[in-house]
Structures are given as structure tokens and as C-alpha cells.
Amino acid sequence: MWVHVVIFVMILCALTGWKKGWIPSSGIGGKDGIRLFAVVAIAGNLLGMILTLQNGGQVYPQGYRLEKEDTGSYEKEFMVSVDGEEPVSMYIQVPEKELKKKLKKKQKFVIKLLILLAALAAILAVIVFRVQYIEPRDARADYLWEKENFPILDRLYQEKDLEALMDFYEQAVEENRTIDRWEHSGIFRWLMSCRDAREYLALEQSGETLNEYQQALLLDDYWMMRGLDYSEVILTEKDREYIRPYVEATLNSLADRYTFTAEEEKKFEDSLRNNYGYPRYEDCEEYIKKHNE
């Protein structure tokens, strides 16, 4: 039980350090990250306490309990009678089966406790990594960038300038901007699949041969485009219809490229259905390797 008390003290010290500013909180996502850490750590420690209490108690069946010797066995008195003679008192050492059960319970408890401590250590390691190696975001700079650039994105969206939108997106990603907060940002995953597919086709038309990795990426883009109708969780109906002409035009340029068996078609379709329009790259890689043999 004392281990859990120590963990609670460590959590309290960490929270106090963040509150006082002794430990930088920006590296774990600010206040939201601190709250998440506190919830996970406290919940995990409470779970450990419950497991400790459950394994700490002992229940004995009705009757009396014999005192055990240091050897781990009980000494029990028996009345023994031979050939009808007068019973004679005899003490016999009875091995304690309960000792083995008790040891097993302790082993299980130790394993659970180690798992709990390992989980808490992993959480702390992630926090330390974020603090040391991930540059914290400047919330004010993000706000100013969004205030300046989101109206530009809105204008390009209204003008249906897809090429300009994709150029803007690539630049924003390169500069690590918060373009994913724009209300129509979901369209970029499908638009960029279209752009990548067109670039691969242009390479082939120029006389280059795609390697297996490029072929797998092209197939992944193909199924990404075909998964547009499964993207209702990511895209609004308005956004789906907004990019549909561009997506379908790109798909038409790939119409005669692939031949799928019924089993392969079903496998890809199931992947799209289960992942909101996203294919599994591993399936694309497997298909390309199989058909290149």
C-alpha cells in the first residue's frame, strides 16, 4: 500500500510543479495535457490500490484455523486406535496447501503492480520526451496565422481554385501551421491523393518506370479516391460534393490500370468501410508485390 501513497505524492509534486511554473507545461499540451496526465495517473494508481486491497485480505472456511509451524506446515492432533485398543494421541505434520496459494496470489499481485508502475513510467517518459524534444506551439502565433490565412482559404474555396488550395496546404504543412483547424481541412487528404496520382501518371508518360514503392502509393491513392463515399465522419456532404468532380476525373485516368478479383475487391472495400474511406497501405503493398511476380 505504501507504494501507492508514494505514487500519489509524486503525482501531487508534478501537478504542483506545473502549477507553480517550475516544470514547463507547454510540452505536454498545456492545461489539457496536465488534466489528461492527472486523470490517467490517478485512475491507474486507484486501480492498483484496489488490486492491493483485494489481494491483501484472506478468507478462511468455517471452522478453526490451525497454527502453522515455521516450516510452512500444520501440526495436527489425531486420535489413533489399533485393533480396537484404547485411542492414543498422535501429532502429525500436515503440509500447508494454503501456503502455495498464498504465494501464487502474491506473485499475481507483484505482476499487476509492476504493470501499473510500468504504465506510469511510460506516461512520465512520454511527458519528458515531449518537454525535451517537441517544440511547444506558440498559441498566439497560431491564432494570428489563422486569423490572417483562413479568410484566404475561404476565398480560394469559394472560387473553387483547387490547385491554389493544394499549394497553400503544402506550404502550411511545411511550415508546421495549424491548417487542420480550418473548417474544410478534411478535403486535403483526398485532394492530395489526386495530385499525387496525377504526378505519378505524369512520370510514366515522361518515360519513367515506377518502382514498387511508388506503385503501392499510387494504388493507395486510387483506393483513397474510391473511398470518398465512406468519408461521412471526416467530410460533410457539402465538402464531398465539392471535390467529387476532381476526384472522379482522376479516377477515370486510372480506370483501366487495375484488375481486381472479387476477393481483392471485397478486401479493399471492407477496409474503406471500416476506416471511413481510408485504405490499408499494407493491402496495397501486398497487391503490388503479388502482381509484379
C-alpha atoms as a PDB file:
ATOM      1  CA  MET A   1       0.000   0.000   0.000  1.00  0.00           C
ATOM      2  CA  TRP A   2       2.865   2.365   0.738  1.00  0.00           C
ATOM      3  CA  VAL A   3       3.901   2.240  -2.935  1.00  0.00           C
ATOM      4  CA  HIS A   4       0.575   3.799  -3.948  1.00  0.00           C
ATOM      5  CA  VAL A   5       0.983   6.528  -1.331  1.00  0.00           C
ATOM      6  CA  VAL A   6       4.401   7.347  -2.817  1.00  0.00           C
ATOM      7  CA  ILE A   7       2.897   7.469  -6.329  1.00  0.00           C
ATOM      8  CA  PHE A   8       0.163   9.858  -5.158  1.00  0.00           C
ATOM      9  CA  VAL A   9       2.841  12.087  -3.625  1.00  0.00           C
ATOM     10  CA  MET A  10       4.784  12.040  -6.923  1.00  0.00           C
ATOM     11  CA  ILE A  11       1.643  12.982  -8.862  1.00  0.00           C
ATOM     12  CA  LEU A  12       0.936  15.802  -6.400  1.00  0.00           C
ATOM     13  CA  CYS A  13       4.502  17.084  -6.716  1.00  0.00           C
ATOM     14  CA  ALA A  14       4.276  17.024 -10.528  1.00  0.00           C
ATOM     15  CA  LEU A  15       0.954  18.885 -10.534  1.00  0.00           C
ATOM     16  CA  THR A  16       2.329  21.446  -8.064  1.00  0.00           C
ATOM     17  CA  GLY A  17       5.411  21.915 -10.230  1.00  0.00           C
ATOM     18  CA  TRP A  18       3.282  22.596 -13.299  1.00  0.00           C
ATOM     19  CA  LYS A  19       1.010  24.974 -11.394  1.00  0.00           C
ATOM     20  CA  LYS A  20       3.936  26.955  -9.966  1.00  0.00           C
ATOM     21  CA  GLY A  21       5.711  27.008 -13.310  1.00  0.00           C
ATOM     22  CA  TRP A  22       8.725  25.016 -12.107  1.00  0.00           C
ATOM     23  CA  ILE A  23       8.036  22.383 -14.782  1.00  0.00           C
ATOM     24  CA  PRO A  24       7.120  23.645 -18.299  1.00  0.00           C
ATOM     25  CA  SER A  25       3.615  22.518 -19.246  1.00  0.00           C
ATOM     26  CA  SER A  26       3.640  23.542 -22.895  1.00  0.00           C
ATOM     27  CA  GLY A  27       5.453  20.358 -23.910  1.00  0.00           C
ATOM     28  CA  ILE A  28       2.535  18.138 -22.855  1.00  0.00           C
ATOM     29  CA  GLY A  29      -0.223  20.227 -24.371  1.00  0.00           C
ATOM     30  CA  GLY A  30      -0.698  22.848 -21.650  1.00  0.00           C
ATOM     31  CA  LYS A  31      -3.625  22.567 -19.256  1.00  0.00           C
ATOM     32  CA  ASP A  32      -5.362  19.884 -21.325  1.00  0.00           C
ATOM     33  CA  GLY A  33      -2.253  17.701 -21.255  1.00  0.00           C
ATOM     34  CA  ILE A  34      -1.881  18.168 -17.495  1.00  0.00           C
ATOM     35  CA  ARG A  35      -5.514  17.197 -16.927  1.00  0.00           C
ATOM     36  CA  LEU A  36      -5.089  14.096 -19.106  1.00  0.00           C
ATOM     37  CA  PHE A  37      -1.957  13.078 -17.218  1.00  0.00           C
ATOM     38  CA  ALA A  38      -3.665  13.589 -13.853  1.00  0.00           C
ATOM     39  CA  VAL A  39      -6.715  11.534 -14.841  1.00  0.00           C
ATOM     40  CA  VAL A  40      -4.643   8.629 -16.219  1.00  0.00           C
ATOM     41  CA  ALA A  41      -2.143   8.606 -13.345  1.00  0.00           C
ATOM     42  CA  ILE A  42      -4.711   8.890 -10.555  1.00  0.00           C
ATOM     43  CA  ALA A  43      -7.048   6.336 -12.149  1.00  0.00           C
ATOM     44  CA  GLY A  44      -4.176   3.903 -12.644  1.00  0.00           C
ATOM     45  CA  ASN A  45      -2.999   4.315  -9.079  1.00  0.00           C
ATOM     46  CA  LEU A  46      -6.513   3.848  -7.702  1.00  0.00           C
ATOM     47  CA  LEU A  47      -6.808   0.661  -9.738  1.00  0.00           C
ATOM     48  CA  GLY A  48      -3.558  -0.519  -8.207  1.00  0.00           C
ATOM     49  CA  MET A  49      -4.846   0.225  -4.713  1.00  0.00           C
ATOM     50  CA  ILE A  50      -7.993  -1.793  -5.390  1.00  0.00           C
ATOM     51  CA  LEU A  51      -5.910  -4.728  -6.594  1.00  0.00           C
ATOM     52  CA  THR A  52      -3.739  -4.425  -3.487  1.00  0.00           C
ATOM     53  CA  LEU A  53      -6.742  -4.476  -1.161  1.00  0.00           C
ATOM     54  CA  GLN A  54      -8.278  -7.421  -2.983  1.00  0.00           C
ATOM     55  CA  ASN A  55      -5.097  -9.442  -2.682  1.00  0.00           C
ATOM     56  CA  GLY A  56      -4.362  -8.341   0.870  1.00  0.00           C
ATOM     57  CA  GLY A  57      -7.379  -9.943   2.584  1.00  0.00           C
ATOM     58  CA  GLN A  58      -7.679 -13.624   3.441  1.00  0.00           C
ATOM     59  CA  VAL A  59     -10.844 -15.624   3.817  1.00  0.00           C
ATOM     60  CA  TYR A  60     -10.939 -18.899   5.705  1.00  0.00           C
ATOM     61  CA  PRO A  61     -13.678 -21.529   5.611  1.00  0.00           C
ATOM     62  CA  GLN A  62     -15.848 -22.179   8.622  1.00  0.00           C
ATOM     63  CA  GLY A  63     -14.134 -23.945  11.492  1.00  0.00           C
ATOM     64  CA  TYR A  64     -10.927 -23.247  13.317  1.00  0.00           C
ATOM     65  CA  ARG A  65      -7.534 -22.399  11.909  1.00  0.00           C
ATOM     66  CA  LEU A  66      -4.535 -24.421  12.974  1.00  0.00           C
ATOM     67  CA  GLU A  67      -1.366 -22.540  13.831  1.00  0.00           C
ATOM     68  CA  LYS A  68       1.366 -23.288  11.345  1.00  0.00           C
ATOM     69  CA  GLU A  69       4.987 -24.054  12.034  1.00  0.00           C
ATOM     70  CA  ASP A  70       7.951 -22.153  10.582  1.00  0.00           C
ATOM     71  CA  THR A  71       8.378 -24.969   8.103  1.00  0.00           C
ATOM     72  CA  GLY A  72       5.125 -23.977   6.430  1.00  0.00           C
ATOM     73  CA  SER A  73       3.092 -26.938   7.701  1.00  0.00           C
ATOM     74  CA  TYR A  74       0.451 -27.524  10.350  1.00  0.00           C
ATOM     75  CA  GLU A  75       0.833 -29.764  13.381  1.00  0.00           C
ATOM     76  CA  LYS A  76      -2.465 -31.543  13.941  1.00  0.00           C
ATOM     77  CA  GLU A  77      -3.502 -33.963  16.705  1.00  0.00           C
ATOM     78  CA  PHE A  78      -5.076 -37.271  15.694  1.00  0.00           C
ATOM     79  CA  MET A  79      -6.545 -39.991  17.923  1.00  0.00           C
ATOM     80  CA  VAL A  80      -5.287 -43.345  16.647  1.00  0.00           C
ATOM     81  CA  SER A  81      -6.666 -46.753  17.666  1.00  0.00           C
ATOM     82  CA  VAL A  82      -5.101 -50.050  16.585  1.00  0.00           C
ATOM     83  CA  ASP A  83      -7.097 -53.315  16.695  1.00  0.00           C
ATOM     84  CA  GLY A  84      -9.712 -51.825  18.989  1.00  0.00           C
ATOM     85  CA  GLU A  85      -7.216 -50.774  21.631  1.00  0.00           C
ATOM     86  CA  GLU A  86      -7.569 -47.526  23.540  1.00  0.00           C
ATOM     87  CA  PRO A  87      -7.056 -44.487  21.274  1.00  0.00           C
ATOM     88  CA  VAL A  88      -3.648 -42.857  21.530  1.00  0.00           C
ATOM     89  CA  SER A  89      -2.978 -39.177  20.835  1.00  0.00           C
ATOM     90  CA  MET A  90      -0.570 -38.602  17.939  1.00  0.00           C
ATOM     91  CA  TYR A  91       0.673 -35.355  16.351  1.00  0.00           C
ATOM     92  CA  ILE A  92       1.261 -35.297  12.635  1.00  0.00           C
ATOM     93  CA  GLN A  93       2.767 -32.523  10.481  1.00  0.00           C
ATOM     94  CA  VAL A  94       0.301 -31.701   7.691  1.00  0.00           C
ATOM     95  CA  PRO A  95       1.745 -29.855   4.640  1.00  0.00           C
ATOM     96  CA  GLU A  96       0.149 -26.460   4.161  1.00  0.00           C
ATOM     97  CA  LYS A  97      -1.544 -26.261   0.761  1.00  0.00           C
ATOM     98  CA  GLU A  98      -2.629 -22.757   1.586  1.00  0.00           C
ATOM     99  CA  LEU A  99       0.995 -21.603   1.502  1.00  0.00           C
ATOM    100  CA  LYS A 100       1.260 -22.321  -2.228  1.00  0.00           C
ATOM    101  CA  LYS A 101      -1.996 -20.492  -2.919  1.00  0.00           C
ATOM    102  CA  LYS A 102      -0.756 -17.557  -0.908  1.00  0.00           C
ATOM    103  CA  LEU A 103       2.486 -17.433  -2.874  1.00  0.00           C
ATOM    104  CA  LYS A 104       0.574 -17.513  -6.164  1.00  0.00           C
ATOM    105  CA  LYS A 105      -1.604 -14.625  -5.006  1.00  0.00           C
ATOM    106  CA  LYS A 106       1.474 -12.637  -4.076  1.00  0.00           C
ATOM    107  CA  GLN A 107       3.061 -13.367  -7.461  1.00  0.00           C
ATOM    108  CA  LYS A 108      -0.048 -12.163  -9.292  1.00  0.00           C
ATOM    109  CA  PHE A 109      -0.146  -9.047  -7.154  1.00  0.00           C
ATOM    110  CA  VAL A 110       3.517  -8.274  -7.844  1.00  0.00           C
ATOM    111  CA  ILE A 111       2.978  -8.725 -11.602  1.00  0.00           C
ATOM    112  CA  LYS A 112      -0.045  -6.396 -11.574  1.00  0.00           C
ATOM    113  CA  LEU A 113       1.873  -3.841  -9.535  1.00  0.00           C
ATOM    114  CA  LEU A 114       4.818  -3.971 -11.940  1.00  0.00           C
ATOM    115  CA  ILE A 115       2.470  -3.475 -14.899  1.00  0.00           C
ATOM    116  CA  LEU A 116       0.925  -0.458 -13.166  1.00  0.00           C
ATOM    117  CA  LEU A 117       4.322   1.057 -12.391  1.00  0.00           C
ATOM    118  CA  ALA A 118       5.477   0.408 -15.964  1.00  0.00           C
ATOM    119  CA  ALA A 119       2.386   2.200 -17.314  1.00  0.00           C
ATOM    120  CA  LEU A 120       3.013   5.212 -15.086  1.00  0.00           C
ATOM    121  CA  ALA A 121       6.688   5.213 -16.074  1.00  0.00           C
ATOM    122  CA  ALA A 122       5.679   5.169 -19.766  1.00  0.00           C
ATOM    123  CA  ILE A 123       3.387   8.157 -19.220  1.00  0.00           C
ATOM    124  CA  LEU A 124       6.150  10.092 -17.494  1.00  0.00           C
ATOM    125  CA  ALA A 125       8.615   9.121 -20.250  1.00  0.00           C
ATOM    126  CA  VAL A 126       6.263  10.476 -22.925  1.00  0.00           C
ATOM    127  CA  ILE A 127       5.884  13.711 -20.982  1.00  0.00           C
ATOM    128  CA  VAL A 128       9.642  14.096 -20.573  1.00  0.00           C
ATOM    129  CA  PHE A 129      10.162  13.364 -24.281  1.00  0.00           C
ATOM    130  CA  ARG A 130       7.618  15.986 -25.285  1.00  0.00           C
ATOM    131  CA  VAL A 131       9.148  18.551 -22.960  1.00  0.00           C
ATOM    132  CA  GLN A 132      12.691  17.948 -24.207  1.00  0.00           C
ATOM    133  CA  TYR A 133      12.295  17.167 -27.898  1.00  0.00           C
ATOM    134  CA  ILE A 134       8.987  18.589 -29.134  1.00  0.00           C
ATOM    135  CA  GLU A 135       8.966  22.290 -29.610  1.00  0.00           C
ATOM    136  CA  PRO A 136       5.938  23.806 -27.859  1.00  0.00           C
ATOM    137  CA  ARG A 137       3.471  25.665 -30.047  1.00  0.00           C
ATOM    138  CA  ASP A 138       3.054  29.400 -29.782  1.00  0.00           C
ATOM    139  CA  ALA A 139      -0.699  29.760 -29.292  1.00  0.00           C
ATOM    140  CA  ARG A 140      -0.640  33.479 -30.093  1.00  0.00           C
ATOM    141  CA  ALA A 141       1.325  32.937 -33.314  1.00  0.00           C
ATOM    142  CA  ASP A 142      -1.112  30.178 -34.332  1.00  0.00           C
ATOM    143  CA  TYR A 143      -4.060  32.457 -33.665  1.00  0.00           C
ATOM    144  CA  LEU A 144      -2.556  35.300 -35.708  1.00  0.00           C
ATOM    145  CA  TRP A 145      -1.707  32.964 -38.602  1.00  0.00           C
ATOM    146  CA  GLU A 146      -5.233  31.544 -38.653  1.00  0.00           C
ATOM    147  CA  LYS A 147      -6.768  34.995 -38.452  1.00  0.00           C
ATOM    148  CA  GLU A 148      -4.710  36.107 -41.449  1.00  0.00           C
ATOM    149  CA  ASN A 149      -4.861  32.984 -43.601  1.00  0.00           C
ATOM    150  CA  PHE A 150      -8.220  31.317 -43.008  1.00  0.00           C
ATOM    151  CA  PRO A 151     -10.021  34.112 -44.934  1.00  0.00           C
ATOM    152  CA  ILE A 152      -7.655  33.419 -47.839  1.00  0.00           C
ATOM    153  CA  LEU A 153      -8.548  29.736 -47.710  1.00  0.00           C
ATOM    154  CA  ASP A 154     -12.246  30.635 -47.602  1.00  0.00           C
ATOM    155  CA  ARG A 155     -11.843  32.778 -50.702  1.00  0.00           C
ATOM    156  CA  LEU A 156      -9.993  30.060 -52.608  1.00  0.00           C
ATOM    157  CA  TYR A 157     -12.669  27.568 -51.541  1.00  0.00           C
ATOM    158  CA  GLN A 158     -15.423  29.818 -52.863  1.00  0.00           C
ATOM    159  CA  GLU A 159     -13.536  30.326 -56.113  1.00  0.00           C
ATOM    160  CA  LYS A 160     -13.032  26.529 -56.419  1.00  0.00           C
ATOM    161  CA  ASP A 161      -9.331  27.075 -57.055  1.00  0.00           C
ATOM    162  CA  LEU A 162      -8.246  23.572 -56.104  1.00  0.00           C
ATOM    163  CA  GLU A 163      -4.667  23.935 -57.326  1.00  0.00           C
ATOM    164  CA  ALA A 164      -4.165  27.054 -55.214  1.00  0.00           C
ATOM    165  CA  LEU A 165      -5.728  25.327 -52.209  1.00  0.00           C
ATOM    166  CA  MET A 166      -3.347  22.372 -52.542  1.00  0.00           C
ATOM    167  CA  ASP A 167      -0.336  24.672 -52.935  1.00  0.00           C
ATOM    168  CA  PHE A 168      -1.436  26.577 -49.845  1.00  0.00           C
ATOM    169  CA  TYR A 169      -1.835  23.320 -47.921  1.00  0.00           C
ATOM    170  CA  GLU A 170       1.614  22.017 -48.846  1.00  0.00           C
ATOM    171  CA  GLN A 171       3.216  25.279 -47.770  1.00  0.00           C
ATOM    172  CA  ALA A 172       1.308  25.318 -44.481  1.00  0.00           C
ATOM    173  CA  VAL A 173       2.329  21.725 -43.688  1.00  0.00           C
ATOM    174  CA  GLU A 174       5.959  22.517 -44.495  1.00  0.00           C
ATOM    175  CA  GLU A 175       5.817  25.473 -42.081  1.00  0.00           C
ATOM    176  CA  ASN A 176       4.002  23.385 -39.429  1.00  0.00           C
ATOM    177  CA  ARG A 177       0.948  25.640 -39.456  1.00  0.00           C
ATOM    178  CA  THR A 178      -2.437  24.786 -37.941  1.00  0.00           C
ATOM    179  CA  ILE A 179      -4.258  24.442 -41.238  1.00  0.00           C
ATOM    180  CA  ASP A 180      -6.051  21.358 -39.896  1.00  0.00           C
ATOM    181  CA  ARG A 181      -8.215  23.757 -37.829  1.00  0.00           C
ATOM    182  CA  TRP A 182      -9.748  25.225 -40.970  1.00  0.00           C
ATOM    183  CA  GLU A 183     -13.367  24.086 -41.288  1.00  0.00           C
ATOM    184  CA  HIS A 184     -12.857  22.425 -44.698  1.00  0.00           C
ATOM    185  CA  SER A 185      -9.419  20.938 -43.980  1.00  0.00           C
ATOM    186  CA  GLY A 186     -10.723  17.364 -44.444  1.00  0.00           C
ATOM    187  CA  ILE A 187     -10.777  17.819 -48.227  1.00  0.00           C
ATOM    188  CA  PHE A 188      -6.988  17.989 -48.422  1.00  0.00           C
ATOM    189  CA  ARG A 189      -6.436  14.263 -47.825  1.00  0.00           C
ATOM    190  CA  TRP A 190      -8.451  13.441 -50.959  1.00  0.00           C
ATOM    191  CA  LEU A 191      -7.172  16.376 -52.993  1.00  0.00           C
ATOM    192  CA  MET A 192      -3.555  15.464 -52.266  1.00  0.00           C
ATOM    193  CA  SER A 193      -4.242  11.841 -53.234  1.00  0.00           C
ATOM    194  CA  CYS A 194      -5.500  13.122 -56.570  1.00  0.00           C
ATOM    195  CA  ARG A 195      -2.464  15.363 -57.034  1.00  0.00           C
ATOM    196  CA  ASP A 196      -0.034  12.563 -56.136  1.00  0.00           C
ATOM    197  CA  ALA A 197      -1.775  10.140 -58.509  1.00  0.00           C
ATOM    198  CA  ARG A 198      -1.601  12.660 -61.363  1.00  0.00           C
ATOM    199  CA  GLU A 199       2.088  13.242 -60.693  1.00  0.00           C
ATOM    200  CA  TYR A 200       2.824   9.502 -60.840  1.00  0.00           C
ATOM    201  CA  LEU A 201       0.940   9.209 -64.123  1.00  0.00           C
ATOM    202  CA  ALA A 202       2.882  12.188 -65.493  1.00  0.00           C
ATOM    203  CA  LEU A 203       6.130  10.442 -64.569  1.00  0.00           C
ATOM    204  CA  GLU A 204       5.073   7.361 -66.532  1.00  0.00           C
ATOM    205  CA  GLN A 205       4.065   9.453 -69.502  1.00  0.00           C
ATOM    206  CA  SER A 206       7.512  11.037 -69.474  1.00  0.00           C
ATOM    207  CA  GLY A 207       9.059   7.584 -69.900  1.00  0.00           C
ATOM    208  CA  GLU A 208       9.935   6.724 -66.285  1.00  0.00           C
ATOM    209  CA  THR A 209       9.048   3.401 -64.684  1.00  0.00           C
ATOM    210  CA  LEU A 210       7.512   3.463 -61.216  1.00  0.00           C
ATOM    211  CA  ASN A 211       9.213   1.319 -58.616  1.00  0.00           C
ATOM    212  CA  GLU A 212       7.209  -0.947 -56.300  1.00  0.00           C
ATOM    213  CA  TYR A 213       7.011   1.671 -53.559  1.00  0.00           C
ATOM    214  CA  GLN A 214       5.612   4.279 -55.973  1.00  0.00           C
ATOM    215  CA  GLN A 215       3.193   1.739 -57.431  1.00  0.00           C
ATOM    216  CA  ALA A 216       1.904   0.913 -53.931  1.00  0.00           C
ATOM    217  CA  LEU A 217       1.460   4.620 -53.154  1.00  0.00           C
ATOM    218  CA  LEU A 218      -0.414   5.114 -56.413  1.00  0.00           C
ATOM    219  CA  LEU A 219      -2.720   2.200 -55.594  1.00  0.00           C
ATOM    220  CA  ASP A 220      -3.238   3.655 -52.119  1.00  0.00           C
ATOM    221  CA  ASP A 221      -4.220   6.972 -53.716  1.00  0.00           C
ATOM    222  CA  TYR A 222      -6.571   5.135 -56.072  1.00  0.00           C
ATOM    223  CA  TRP A 223      -8.442   3.444 -53.224  1.00  0.00           C
ATOM    224  CA  MET A 224      -8.405   6.646 -51.199  1.00  0.00           C
ATOM    225  CA  MET A 225     -10.287   8.319 -54.025  1.00  0.00           C
ATOM    226  CA  ARG A 226     -12.701   5.402 -54.296  1.00  0.00           C
ATOM    227  CA  GLY A 227     -13.330   5.705 -50.558  1.00  0.00           C
ATOM    228  CA  LEU A 228     -14.811   9.186 -50.867  1.00  0.00           C
ATOM    229  CA  ASP A 229     -18.348   7.934 -50.193  1.00  0.00           C
ATOM    230  CA  TYR A 230     -17.219   6.330 -46.917  1.00  0.00           C
ATOM    231  CA  SER A 231     -15.859   9.612 -45.552  1.00  0.00           C
ATOM    232  CA  GLU A 232     -19.045  10.873 -43.902  1.00  0.00           C
ATOM    233  CA  VAL A 233     -17.340  11.054 -40.496  1.00  0.00           C
ATOM    234  CA  ILE A 234     -14.492  13.197 -41.885  1.00  0.00           C
ATOM    235  CA  LEU A 235     -16.174  15.220 -44.622  1.00  0.00           C
ATOM    236  CA  THR A 236     -19.505  16.989 -44.705  1.00  0.00           C
ATOM    237  CA  GLU A 237     -21.782  16.230 -47.632  1.00  0.00           C
ATOM    238  CA  LYS A 238     -21.015  19.684 -48.985  1.00  0.00           C
ATOM    239  CA  ASP A 239     -17.257  19.023 -48.978  1.00  0.00           C
ATOM    240  CA  ARG A 240     -17.676  15.583 -50.568  1.00  0.00           C
ATOM    241  CA  GLU A 241     -19.663  17.022 -53.441  1.00  0.00           C
ATOM    242  CA  TYR A 242     -17.246  19.948 -53.686  1.00  0.00           C
ATOM    243  CA  ILE A 243     -14.268  17.694 -54.519  1.00  0.00           C
ATOM    244  CA  ARG A 244     -16.166  14.885 -56.259  1.00  0.00           C
ATOM    245  CA  PRO A 245     -15.645  16.150 -59.865  1.00  0.00           C
ATOM    246  CA  TYR A 246     -11.890  16.424 -59.340  1.00  0.00           C
ATOM    247  CA  VAL A 247     -11.727  13.000 -57.688  1.00  0.00           C
ATOM    248  CA  GLU A 248     -13.790  11.296 -60.377  1.00  0.00           C
ATOM    249  CA  ALA A 249     -11.747  12.876 -63.157  1.00  0.00           C
ATOM    250  CA  THR A 250      -8.583  11.482 -61.585  1.00  0.00           C
ATOM    251  CA  LEU A 251     -10.184   8.048 -61.126  1.00  0.00           C
ATOM    252  CA  ASN A 252     -11.135   7.981 -64.807  1.00  0.00           C
ATOM    253  CA  SER A 253      -7.464   8.310 -65.747  1.00  0.00           C
ATOM    254  CA  LEU A 254      -6.794   5.137 -63.706  1.00  0.00           C
ATOM    255  CA  ALA A 255      -9.883   3.214 -64.854  1.00  0.00           C
ATOM    256  CA  ASP A 256      -8.043   0.631 -66.992  1.00  0.00           C
ATOM    257  CA  ARG A 257      -4.955   0.309 -64.839  1.00  0.00           C
ATOM    258  CA  TYR A 258      -6.084  -2.312 -62.292  1.00  0.00           C
ATOM    259  CA  THR A 259      -7.926  -5.621 -62.456  1.00  0.00           C
ATOM    260  CA  PHE A 260      -9.182  -6.982 -59.140  1.00  0.00           C
ATOM    261  CA  THR A 261     -10.629 -10.367 -58.304  1.00  0.00           C
ATOM    262  CA  ALA A 262     -13.901 -10.418 -56.378  1.00  0.00           C
ATOM    263  CA  GLU A 263     -11.979 -11.333 -53.230  1.00  0.00           C
ATOM    264  CA  GLU A 264      -9.498  -8.463 -53.657  1.00  0.00           C
ATOM    265  CA  GLU A 265     -12.281  -6.003 -54.405  1.00  0.00           C
ATOM    266  CA  LYS A 266     -14.136  -7.041 -51.248  1.00  0.00           C
ATOM    267  CA  LYS A 267     -10.982  -6.792 -49.150  1.00  0.00           C
ATOM    268  CA  PHE A 268     -10.330  -3.208 -50.227  1.00  0.00           C
ATOM    269  CA  GLU A 269     -13.981  -2.204 -49.916  1.00  0.00           C
ATOM    270  CA  ASP A 270     -14.165  -3.603 -46.385  1.00  0.00           C
ATOM    271  CA  SER A 271     -11.078  -1.632 -45.464  1.00  0.00           C
ATOM    272  CA  LEU A 272     -12.633   1.586 -46.783  1.00  0.00           C
ATOM    273  CA  ARG A 273     -15.885   0.881 -44.972  1.00  0.00           C
ATOM    274  CA  ASN A 274     -14.193   0.170 -41.660  1.00  0.00           C
ATOM    275  CA  ASN A 275     -11.750   3.107 -41.828  1.00  0.00           C
ATOM    276  CA  TYR A 276     -14.039   5.912 -43.027  1.00  0.00           C
ATOM    277  CA  GLY A 277     -12.675   5.941 -46.559  1.00  0.00           C
ATOM    278  CA  TYR A 278      -9.033   5.186 -45.776  1.00  0.00           C
ATOM    279  CA  PRO A 279      -7.423   2.098 -47.387  1.00  0.00           C
ATOM    280  CA  ARG A 280      -4.768  -0.006 -45.670  1.00  0.00           C
ATOM    281  CA  TYR A 281      -1.370   0.641 -47.223  1.00  0.00           C
ATOM    282  CA  GLU A 282      -0.335  -2.924 -46.344  1.00  0.00           C
ATOM    283  CA  ASP A 283      -3.094  -4.269 -48.631  1.00  0.00           C
ATOM    284  CA  CYS A 284      -1.863  -2.080 -51.488  1.00  0.00           C
ATOM    285  CA  GLU A 285       1.711  -3.197 -50.956  1.00  0.00           C
ATOM    286  CA  GLU A 286       0.647  -6.852 -50.910  1.00  0.00           C
ATOM    287  CA  TYR A 287      -1.343  -6.457 -54.144  1.00  0.00           C
ATOM    288  CA  ILE A 288       1.570  -4.819 -55.986  1.00  0.00           C
ATOM    289  CA  LYS A 289       4.082  -7.443 -54.873  1.00  0.00           C
ATOM    290  CA  LYS A 290       1.720 -10.253 -55.864  1.00  0.00           C
ATOM    291  CA  HIS A 291       1.013  -8.864 -59.338  1.00  0.00           C
ATOM    292  CA  ASN A 292       4.653  -7.956 -60.037  1.00  0.00           C
ATOM    293  CA  GLU A 293       5.841 -11.541 -59.554  1.00  0.00           C
END
